[in-house]
C-alpha atoms as a PDB file:
ATOM      1  CA  UNK A   1     -62.883  15.918  21.469  1.00  0.00           C
ATOM      2  CA  UNK A   2     -62.709  18.773  19.484  1.00  0.00           C
ATOM      3  CA  UNK A   3     -59.359  19.679  20.367  1.00  0.00           C
ATOM      4  CA  UNK A   4     -58.533  16.311  18.659  1.00  0.00           C
ATOM      5  CA  UNK A   5     -59.959  17.111  15.739  1.00  0.00           C
ATOM      6  CA  UNK A   6     -58.756  20.266  15.362  1.00  0.00           C
ATOM      7  CA  UNK A   7     -54.982  19.000  15.969  1.00  0.00           C
ATOM      8  CA  UNK A   8     -55.891  16.210  13.037  1.00  0.00           C
ATOM      9  CA  UNK A   9     -56.766  19.183  10.576  1.00  0.00           C
ATOM     10  CA  UNK A  10     -53.296  20.998  11.571  1.00  0.00           C
ATOM     11  CA  UNK A  11     -51.883  17.701  10.722  1.00  0.00           C
ATOM     12  CA  UNK A  12     -53.648  17.287   7.566  1.00  0.00           C
ATOM     13  CA  UNK A  13     -52.927  20.842   6.040  1.00  0.00           C
ATOM     14  CA  UNK A  14     -49.669  20.892   6.670  1.00  0.00           C
ATOM     15  CA  UNK A  15     -49.250  19.991   3.155  1.00  0.00           C
ATOM     16  CA  UNK A  16     -50.385  22.952   0.969  1.00  0.00           C
ATOM     17  CA  UNK A  17     -51.510  20.762  -1.262  1.00  0.00           C
ATOM     18  CA  UNK A  18     -54.393  18.908   0.262  1.00  0.00           C
ATOM     19  CA  UNK A  19     -57.661  20.422   1.094  1.00  0.00           C
ATOM     20  CA  UNK A  20     -60.228  19.180   3.704  1.00  0.00           C
ATOM     21  CA  UNK A  21     -63.717  19.253   1.641  1.00  0.00           C
ATOM     22  CA  UNK A  22     -66.244  17.295   4.469  1.00  0.00           C
ATOM     23  CA  UNK A  23     -65.502  16.554   7.931  1.00  0.00           C
ATOM     24  CA  UNK A  24     -67.625  14.101   9.856  1.00  0.00           C
ATOM     25  CA  UNK A  25     -67.583  11.920  13.339  1.00  0.00           C
ATOM     26  CA  UNK A  26     -69.602   8.831  14.112  1.00  0.00           C
ATOM     27  CA  UNK A  27     -68.791   5.969  16.083  1.00  0.00           C
ATOM     28  CA  UNK A  28     -68.140   2.295  15.859  1.00  0.00           C
ATOM     29  CA  UNK A  29     -69.329  -0.255  18.363  1.00  0.00           C
ATOM     30  CA  UNK A  30     -66.786  -2.646  19.896  1.00  0.00           C
ATOM     31  CA  UNK A  31     -67.830  -5.763  21.887  1.00  0.00           C
ATOM     32  CA  UNK A  32     -65.259  -6.839  24.714  1.00  0.00           C
ATOM     33  CA  UNK A  33     -65.001 -10.479  24.814  1.00  0.00           C
ATOM     34  CA  UNK A  34     -63.871 -12.392  28.135  1.00  0.00           C
ATOM     35  CA  UNK A  35     -61.710 -15.266  27.345  1.00  0.00           C
ATOM     36  CA  UNK A  36     -60.271 -17.693  29.500  1.00  0.00           C
ATOM     37  CA  UNK A  37     -57.538 -19.714  27.882  1.00  0.00           C
ATOM     38  CA  UNK A  38     -54.309 -22.535  28.662  1.00  0.00           C
ATOM     39  CA  UNK A  39     -51.294 -21.136  27.799  1.00  0.00           C
ATOM     40  CA  UNK A  40     -47.549 -23.286  27.189  1.00  0.00           C
ATOM     41  CA  UNK A  41     -44.489 -21.517  27.270  1.00  0.00           C
ATOM     42  CA  UNK A  42     -42.356 -23.081  24.410  1.00  0.00           C
ATOM     43  CA  UNK A  43     -38.280 -22.591  24.373  1.00  0.00           C
ATOM     44  CA  UNK A  44     -35.537 -24.605  22.966  1.00  0.00           C
ATOM     45  CA  UNK A  45     -34.248 -27.473  25.024  1.00  0.00           C
ATOM     46  CA  UNK A  46     -31.282 -26.863  26.959  1.00  0.00           C
ATOM     47  CA  UNK A  47     -28.424 -29.313  27.028  1.00  0.00           C
ATOM     48  CA  UNK A  48     -28.586 -30.791  30.604  1.00  0.00           C
ATOM     49  CA  UNK A  49     -32.770 -31.831  29.886  1.00  0.00           C
ATOM     50  CA  UNK A  50     -31.432 -33.089  26.353  1.00  0.00           C
ATOM     51  CA  UNK A  51     -28.786 -35.160  27.868  1.00  0.00           C
ATOM     52  CA  UNK A  52     -31.269 -36.408  30.629  1.00  0.00           C
ATOM     53  CA  UNK A  53     -33.924 -37.511  28.034  1.00  0.00           C
ATOM     54  CA  UNK A  54     -31.415 -39.500  25.643  1.00  0.00           C
ATOM     55  CA  UNK A  55     -29.905 -41.328  28.512  1.00  0.00           C
ATOM     56  CA  UNK A  56     -33.229 -42.247  29.726  1.00  0.00           C
ATOM     57  CA  UNK A  57     -34.160 -43.271  26.323  1.00  0.00           C
ATOM     58  CA  UNK A  58     -30.863 -45.616  25.882  1.00  0.00           C
ATOM     59  CA  UNK A  59     -30.400 -47.185  29.079  1.00  0.00           C
ATOM     60  CA  UNK A  60     -32.500 -48.380  32.238  1.00  0.00           C
ATOM     61  CA  UNK A  61     -32.617 -45.723  35.403  1.00  0.00           C
ATOM     62  CA  UNK A  62     -34.354 -46.274  38.592  1.00  0.00           C
ATOM     63  CA  UNK A  63     -33.469 -42.829  40.051  1.00  0.00           C
ATOM     64  CA  UNK A  64     -31.654 -39.402  39.750  1.00  0.00           C
ATOM     65  CA  UNK A  65     -29.108 -40.502  41.583  1.00  0.00           C
ATOM     66  CA  UNK A  66     -28.162 -42.655  39.236  1.00  0.00           C
ATOM     67  CA  UNK A  67     -28.275 -40.159  36.195  1.00  0.00           C
ATOM     68  CA  UNK A  68     -26.255 -37.665  38.244  1.00  0.00           C
ATOM     69  CA  UNK A  69     -23.254 -40.592  38.712  1.00  0.00           C
ATOM     70  CA  UNK A  70     -23.336 -40.712  34.631  1.00  0.00           C
ATOM     71  CA  UNK A  71     -23.709 -37.282  33.699  1.00  0.00           C
ATOM     72  CA  UNK A  72     -21.936 -35.666  36.333  1.00  0.00           C
ATOM     73  CA  UNK A  73     -24.158 -33.354  37.700  1.00  0.00           C
ATOM     74  CA  UNK A  74     -24.709 -31.906  40.856  1.00  0.00           C
ATOM     75  CA  UNK A  75     -27.682 -34.212  42.384  1.00  0.00           C
ATOM     76  CA  UNK A  76     -30.086 -31.495  42.957  1.00  0.00           C
ATOM     77  CA  UNK A  77     -30.195 -30.122  39.855  1.00  0.00           C
ATOM     78  CA  UNK A  78     -30.789 -33.740  38.348  1.00  0.00           C
ATOM     79  CA  UNK A  79     -33.669 -33.953  41.144  1.00  0.00           C
ATOM     80  CA  UNK A  80     -35.320 -30.725  40.247  1.00  0.00           C
ATOM     81  CA  UNK A  81     -35.466 -31.529  36.017  1.00  0.00           C
ATOM     82  CA  UNK A  82     -36.292 -35.212  36.936  1.00  0.00           C
ATOM     83  CA  UNK A  83     -39.305 -33.627  38.973  1.00  0.00           C
ATOM     84  CA  UNK A  84     -39.892 -30.946  36.162  1.00  0.00           C
ATOM     85  CA  UNK A  85     -39.973 -33.792  33.120  1.00  0.00           C
ATOM     86  CA  UNK A  86     -42.352 -35.828  35.157  1.00  0.00           C
ATOM     87  CA  UNK A  87     -44.719 -33.178  36.117  1.00  0.00           C
ATOM     88  CA  UNK A  88     -45.121 -32.148  32.459  1.00  0.00           C
ATOM     89  CA  UNK A  89     -45.684 -35.947  31.127  1.00  0.00           C
ATOM     90  CA  UNK A  90     -42.246 -36.025  29.506  1.00  0.00           C
ATOM     91  CA  UNK A  91     -40.881 -38.685  31.721  1.00  0.00           C
ATOM     92  CA  UNK A  92     -42.683 -41.767  33.783  1.00  0.00           C
ATOM     93  CA  UNK A  93     -41.585 -44.520  36.013  1.00  0.00           C
ATOM     94  CA  UNK A  94     -42.705 -48.095  34.604  1.00  0.00           C
ATOM     95  CA  UNK A  95     -41.547 -50.998  35.842  1.00  0.00           C
ATOM     96  CA  UNK A  96     -39.222 -49.316  38.708  1.00  0.00           C
ATOM     97  CA  UNK A  97     -37.520 -47.733  35.435  1.00  0.00           C
ATOM     98  CA  UNK A  98     -37.622 -44.272  33.550  1.00  0.00           C
ATOM     99  CA  UNK A  99     -39.061 -44.180  30.449  1.00  0.00           C
ATOM    100  CA  UNK A 100     -40.191 -41.378  27.884  1.00  0.00           C
ATOM    101  CA  UNK A 101     -43.724 -40.761  27.211  1.00  0.00           C
ATOM    102  CA  UNK A 102     -44.903 -39.764  23.800  1.00  0.00           C
ATOM    103  CA  UNK A 103     -44.685 -36.447  24.663  1.00  0.00           C
ATOM    104  CA  UNK A 104     -41.392 -36.530  25.779  1.00  0.00           C
ATOM    105  CA  UNK A 105     -40.001 -38.558  22.404  1.00  0.00           C
ATOM    106  CA  UNK A 106     -41.796 -35.954  20.347  1.00  0.00           C
ATOM    107  CA  UNK A 107     -40.386 -33.172  22.422  1.00  0.00           C
ATOM    108  CA  UNK A 108     -36.817 -34.487  22.339  1.00  0.00           C
ATOM    109  CA  UNK A 109     -36.581 -35.221  18.595  1.00  0.00           C
ATOM    110  CA  UNK A 110     -37.931 -31.433  18.059  1.00  0.00           C
ATOM    111  CA  UNK A 111     -35.397 -30.190  20.470  1.00  0.00           C
ATOM    112  CA  UNK A 112     -38.675 -28.023  21.727  1.00  0.00           C
ATOM    113  CA  UNK A 113     -39.820 -27.692  25.634  1.00  0.00           C
ATOM    114  CA  UNK A 114     -43.558 -26.824  26.225  1.00  0.00           C
ATOM    115  CA  UNK A 115     -44.446 -26.394  29.985  1.00  0.00           C
ATOM    116  CA  UNK A 116     -48.246 -26.332  30.571  1.00  0.00           C
ATOM    117  CA  UNK A 117     -48.700 -22.781  32.544  1.00  0.00           C
ATOM    118  CA  UNK A 118     -51.525 -21.779  34.760  1.00  0.00           C
ATOM    119  CA  UNK A 119     -55.137 -21.089  33.360  1.00  0.00           C
ATOM    120  CA  UNK A 120     -55.141 -17.115  32.204  1.00  0.00           C
ATOM    121  CA  UNK A 121     -57.955 -14.944  31.468  1.00  0.00           C
ATOM    122  CA  UNK A 122     -57.807 -11.610  29.136  1.00  0.00           C
ATOM    123  CA  UNK A 123     -60.271  -9.573  27.580  1.00  0.00           C
ATOM    124  CA  UNK A 124     -60.072  -9.045  23.437  1.00  0.00           C
ATOM    125  CA  UNK A 125     -61.925  -6.241  21.709  1.00  0.00           C
ATOM    126  CA  UNK A 126     -64.387  -7.410  18.914  1.00  0.00           C
ATOM    127  CA  UNK A 127     -65.028  -5.018  15.784  1.00  0.00           C
ATOM    128  CA  UNK A 128     -67.734  -6.126  13.699  1.00  0.00           C
ATOM    129  CA  UNK A 129     -66.530  -2.794  11.260  1.00  0.00           C
ATOM    130  CA  UNK A 130     -63.530  -4.531  10.790  1.00  0.00           C
ATOM    131  CA  UNK A 131     -64.927  -8.407  11.200  1.00  0.00           C
ATOM    132  CA  UNK A 132     -61.788  -8.974  13.787  1.00  0.00           C
ATOM    133  CA  UNK A 133     -60.450  -8.219  16.870  1.00  0.00           C
ATOM    134  CA  UNK A 134     -58.429  -5.277  17.320  1.00  0.00           C
ATOM    135  CA  UNK A 135     -55.265  -4.777  19.165  1.00  0.00           C
ATOM    136  CA  UNK A 136     -56.339  -2.165  21.311  1.00  0.00           C
ATOM    137  CA  UNK A 137     -54.140  -0.500  24.405  1.00  0.00           C
ATOM    138  CA  UNK A 138     -56.150  -1.171  27.481  1.00  0.00           C
ATOM    139  CA  UNK A 139     -55.188   2.765  28.624  1.00  0.00           C
ATOM    140  CA  UNK A 140     -56.844   4.174  25.087  1.00  0.00           C
ATOM    141  CA  UNK A 141     -60.351   2.953  26.313  1.00  0.00           C
ATOM    142  CA  UNK A 142     -62.425   5.385  27.254  1.00  0.00           C
ATOM    143  CA  UNK A 143     -66.230   6.071  28.536  1.00  0.00           C
ATOM    144  CA  UNK A 144     -67.663   8.718  26.615  1.00  0.00           C
ATOM    145  CA  UNK A 145     -71.462  10.937  27.722  1.00  0.00           C
ATOM    146  CA  UNK A 146     -71.768  12.414  24.418  1.00  0.00           C
ATOM    147  CA  UNK A 147     -71.338   9.899  21.315  1.00  0.00           C
ATOM    148  CA  UNK A 148     -71.999  10.712  17.597  1.00  0.00           C
ATOM    149  CA  UNK A 149     -73.995   8.353  15.508  1.00  0.00           C
ATOM    150  CA  UNK A 150     -73.288   5.208  14.700  1.00  0.00           C
ATOM    151  CA  UNK A 151     -71.092   4.455  11.488  1.00  0.00           C
ATOM    152  CA  UNK A 152     -73.037   4.314   8.166  1.00  0.00           C
ATOM    153  CA  UNK A 153     -72.001   0.820   7.094  1.00  0.00           C
ATOM    154  CA  UNK A 154     -72.072  -1.292  10.435  1.00  0.00           C
ATOM    155  CA  UNK A 155     -72.533  -4.948   9.929  1.00  0.00           C
ATOM    156  CA  UNK A 156     -75.948  -5.209  11.726  1.00  0.00           C
ATOM    157  CA  UNK A 157     -75.320  -9.240  11.728  1.00  0.00           C
ATOM    158  CA  UNK A 158     -71.663  -8.882  12.903  1.00  0.00           C
ATOM    159  CA  UNK A 159     -72.586  -7.040  15.608  1.00  0.00           C
ATOM    160  CA  UNK A 160     -74.911  -9.463  17.236  1.00  0.00           C
ATOM    161  CA  UNK A 161     -72.159 -11.845  17.040  1.00  0.00           C
ATOM    162  CA  UNK A 162     -71.477 -13.293  20.762  1.00  0.00           C
ATOM    163  CA  UNK A 163     -69.429 -16.756  19.526  1.00  0.00           C
ATOM    164  CA  UNK A 164     -66.325 -16.815  17.550  1.00  0.00           C
ATOM    165  CA  UNK A 165     -64.412 -19.400  16.274  1.00  0.00           C
ATOM    166  CA  UNK A 166     -61.164 -20.614  18.421  1.00  0.00           C
ATOM    167  CA  UNK A 167     -58.733 -19.989  15.789  1.00  0.00           C
ATOM    168  CA  UNK A 168     -59.570 -15.999  15.551  1.00  0.00           C
ATOM    169  CA  UNK A 169     -59.424 -16.161  19.492  1.00  0.00           C
ATOM    170  CA  UNK A 170     -56.047 -18.007  19.594  1.00  0.00           C
ATOM    171  CA  UNK A 171     -54.954 -15.446  16.792  1.00  0.00           C
ATOM    172  CA  UNK A 172     -55.962 -12.203  19.047  1.00  0.00           C
ATOM    173  CA  UNK A 173     -54.292 -13.879  22.366  1.00  0.00           C
ATOM    174  CA  UNK A 174     -51.348 -14.804  20.283  1.00  0.00           C
ATOM    175  CA  UNK A 175     -50.629 -11.258  19.046  1.00  0.00           C
ATOM    176  CA  UNK A 176     -51.753  -9.625  22.283  1.00  0.00           C
ATOM    177  CA  UNK A 177     -49.333 -11.947  24.234  1.00  0.00           C
ATOM    178  CA  UNK A 178     -46.064 -10.979  21.390  1.00  0.00           C
ATOM    179  CA  UNK A 179     -46.524  -7.436  21.834  1.00  0.00           C
ATOM    180  CA  UNK A 180     -46.501  -7.663  25.556  1.00  0.00           C
ATOM    181  CA  UNK A 181     -43.427 -10.132  25.986  1.00  0.00           C
ATOM    182  CA  UNK A 182     -41.233  -8.692  23.083  1.00  0.00           C
ATOM    183  CA  UNK A 183     -38.426 -10.924  21.862  1.00  0.00           C
ATOM    184  CA  UNK A 184     -36.873 -13.482  24.162  1.00  0.00           C
ATOM    185  CA  UNK A 185     -35.849 -16.962  24.268  1.00  0.00           C
ATOM    186  CA  UNK A 186     -39.052 -18.269  25.273  1.00  0.00           C
ATOM    187  CA  UNK A 187     -42.044 -17.976  23.633  1.00  0.00           C
ATOM    188  CA  UNK A 188     -45.823 -18.512  25.060  1.00  0.00           C
ATOM    189  CA  UNK A 189     -48.277 -20.194  23.052  1.00  0.00           C
ATOM    190  CA  UNK A 190     -52.139 -20.396  23.444  1.00  0.00           C
ATOM    191  CA  UNK A 191     -53.180 -23.917  23.692  1.00  0.00           C
ATOM    192  CA  UNK A 192     -56.623 -24.072  24.582  1.00  0.00           C
ATOM    193  CA  UNK A 193     -59.587 -21.946  24.724  1.00  0.00           C
ATOM    194  CA  UNK A 194     -61.657 -22.563  27.844  1.00  0.00           C
ATOM    195  CA  UNK A 195     -64.191 -20.473  27.950  1.00  0.00           C
ATOM    196  CA  UNK A 196     -65.752 -17.221  26.614  1.00  0.00           C
ATOM    197  CA  UNK A 197     -68.144 -14.147  27.752  1.00  0.00           C
ATOM    198  CA  UNK A 198     -69.384 -11.904  25.374  1.00  0.00           C
ATOM    199  CA  UNK A 199     -69.608  -8.715  27.209  1.00  0.00           C
ATOM    200  CA  UNK A 200     -70.822  -4.975  26.947  1.00  0.00           C
ATOM    201  CA  UNK A 201     -70.502  -2.853  23.562  1.00  0.00           C
ATOM    202  CA  UNK A 202     -69.193   0.476  23.599  1.00  0.00           C
ATOM    203  CA  UNK A 203     -69.360   2.773  20.902  1.00  0.00           C
ATOM    204  CA  UNK A 204     -65.740   4.654  20.091  1.00  0.00           C
ATOM    205  CA  UNK A 205     -65.665   8.012  18.262  1.00  0.00           C
ATOM    206  CA  UNK A 206     -64.006   8.061  14.859  1.00  0.00           C
ATOM    207  CA  UNK A 207     -63.116  11.213  12.823  1.00  0.00           C
ATOM    208  CA  UNK A 208     -63.600  11.354   9.333  1.00  0.00           C
ATOM    209  CA  UNK A 209     -61.622  13.461   6.346  1.00  0.00           C
ATOM    210  CA  UNK A 210     -62.617  13.730   2.902  1.00  0.00           C
ATOM    211  CA  UNK A 211     -59.521  15.467   1.061  1.00  0.00           C
ATOM    212  CA  UNK A 212     -58.731  17.063  -2.215  1.00  0.00           C
ATOM    213  CA  UNK A 213     -55.176  16.743  -3.561  1.00  0.00           C
ATOM    214  CA  UNK A 214     -55.052  19.757  -5.688  1.00  0.00           C
ATOM    215  CA  UNK A 215     -51.991  18.891  -7.144  1.00  0.00           C
ATOM    216  CA  UNK A 216     -52.866  15.314  -8.260  1.00  0.00           C
ATOM    217  CA  UNK A 217     -56.099  16.446  -8.759  1.00  0.00           C
ATOM    218  CA  UNK A 218     -57.288  13.352  -6.378  1.00  0.00           C
ATOM    219  CA  UNK A 219     -59.725  12.784  -3.588  1.00  0.00           C
ATOM    220  CA  UNK A 220     -59.560  10.389  -0.597  1.00  0.00           C
ATOM    221  CA  UNK A 221     -60.358   9.943   2.849  1.00  0.00           C
ATOM    222  CA  UNK A 222     -58.745   9.688   5.897  1.00  0.00           C
ATOM    223  CA  UNK A 223     -60.282   8.010   8.914  1.00  0.00           C
ATOM    224  CA  UNK A 224     -58.832   8.616  12.729  1.00  0.00           C
ATOM    225  CA  UNK A 225     -59.860   5.798  14.865  1.00  0.00           C
ATOM    226  CA  UNK A 226     -59.897   6.853  19.115  1.00  0.00           C
ATOM    227  CA  UNK A 227     -59.785   3.403  20.297  1.00  0.00           C
ATOM    228  CA  UNK A 228     -56.319   2.255  18.132  1.00  0.00           C
ATOM    229  CA  UNK A 229     -55.355   5.995  18.762  1.00  0.00           C
ATOM    230  CA  UNK A 230     -54.197   6.110  14.939  1.00  0.00           C
ATOM    231  CA  UNK A 231     -55.477   6.037  11.389  1.00  0.00           C
ATOM    232  CA  UNK A 232     -57.444   3.516  10.177  1.00  0.00           C
ATOM    233  CA  UNK A 233     -56.642   2.208   6.946  1.00  0.00           C
ATOM    234  CA  UNK A 234     -59.436  -0.413   6.802  1.00  0.00           C
ATOM    235  CA  UNK A 235     -62.059   1.988   7.661  1.00  0.00           C
ATOM    236  CA  UNK A 236     -60.487   4.242   4.781  1.00  0.00           C
ATOM    237  CA  UNK A 237     -60.693   1.147   2.568  1.00  0.00           C
ATOM    238  CA  UNK A 238     -64.149   0.270   2.771  1.00  0.00           C
ATOM    239  CA  UNK A 239     -65.287   4.020   2.752  1.00  0.00           C
ATOM    240  CA  UNK A 240     -63.504   4.715  -0.580  1.00  0.00           C
ATOM    241  CA  UNK A 241     -64.967   1.520  -2.103  1.00  0.00           C
ATOM    242  CA  UNK A 242     -68.342   2.582  -1.289  1.00  0.00           C
ATOM    243  CA  UNK A 243     -68.249   6.171  -1.870  1.00  0.00           C
ATOM    244  CA  UNK A 244     -65.291   7.341  -3.915  1.00  0.00           C
ATOM    245  CA  UNK A 245     -67.440   7.747  -7.029  1.00  0.00           C
ATOM    246  CA  UNK A 246     -69.445  10.333  -5.460  1.00  0.00           C
ATOM    247  CA  UNK A 247     -66.752  12.707  -3.941  1.00  0.00           C
ATOM    248  CA  UNK A 248     -66.054  14.472  -7.239  1.00  0.00           C
ATOM    249  CA  UNK A 249     -69.725  15.246  -7.651  1.00  0.00           C
ATOM    250  CA  UNK A 250     -70.491  16.328  -4.064  1.00  0.00           C
ATOM    251  CA  UNK A 251     -67.701  18.240  -2.923  1.00  0.00           C
ATOM    252  CA  UNK A 252     -65.862  19.993  -6.222  1.00  0.00           C
END
């Protein structure tokens, strides 16, 4: 870790007006939470599905062959699409004819197709110092043998927390999925949290640098979060609010 600390110090001191007046290192606790959830894939409804649903809404059709003849589309395509729409409950057969379900009516009106996907599982990483889940690259998660002391402002109640609001879990999962998927025609959404399992807490090192800008005569702090592999503006703001008034007296 000393090599990383030295690299950060060199980076900071590239600005000759900035002087490091304090260095420190400490750890923040991160709880791993295993989440099982039900996702759906949302996409713009294609033209053929729209035409099929509108046809079923307006007339009586007993089978895929009749729809194929009306729309002049290969029966195999129609059969596959009718099978899909039945499976996801957009249509159903009533008294021998296809009918739109309330779900099918709603999706047709919105022009949006939602398909339920298999249940999935993912690990989320909760920081009691940030009071939220952090967007973490799992490649950055390491096991450390020799860790510095715990951060002096850890929220002890939050550190013990094992139950989390569903909205917070869904937001974290959604952010994680969007970062993996990037921009595309379809969007995967989290429809329901099935189960959560709060697992172990790992301590993650952070480096603190209190700095004096000689030109502007101001003191400020930078915090490097080894889990995020970047400067942590949340912790910087927290320390500034709690300690900035003391810095001038202590370090100048």
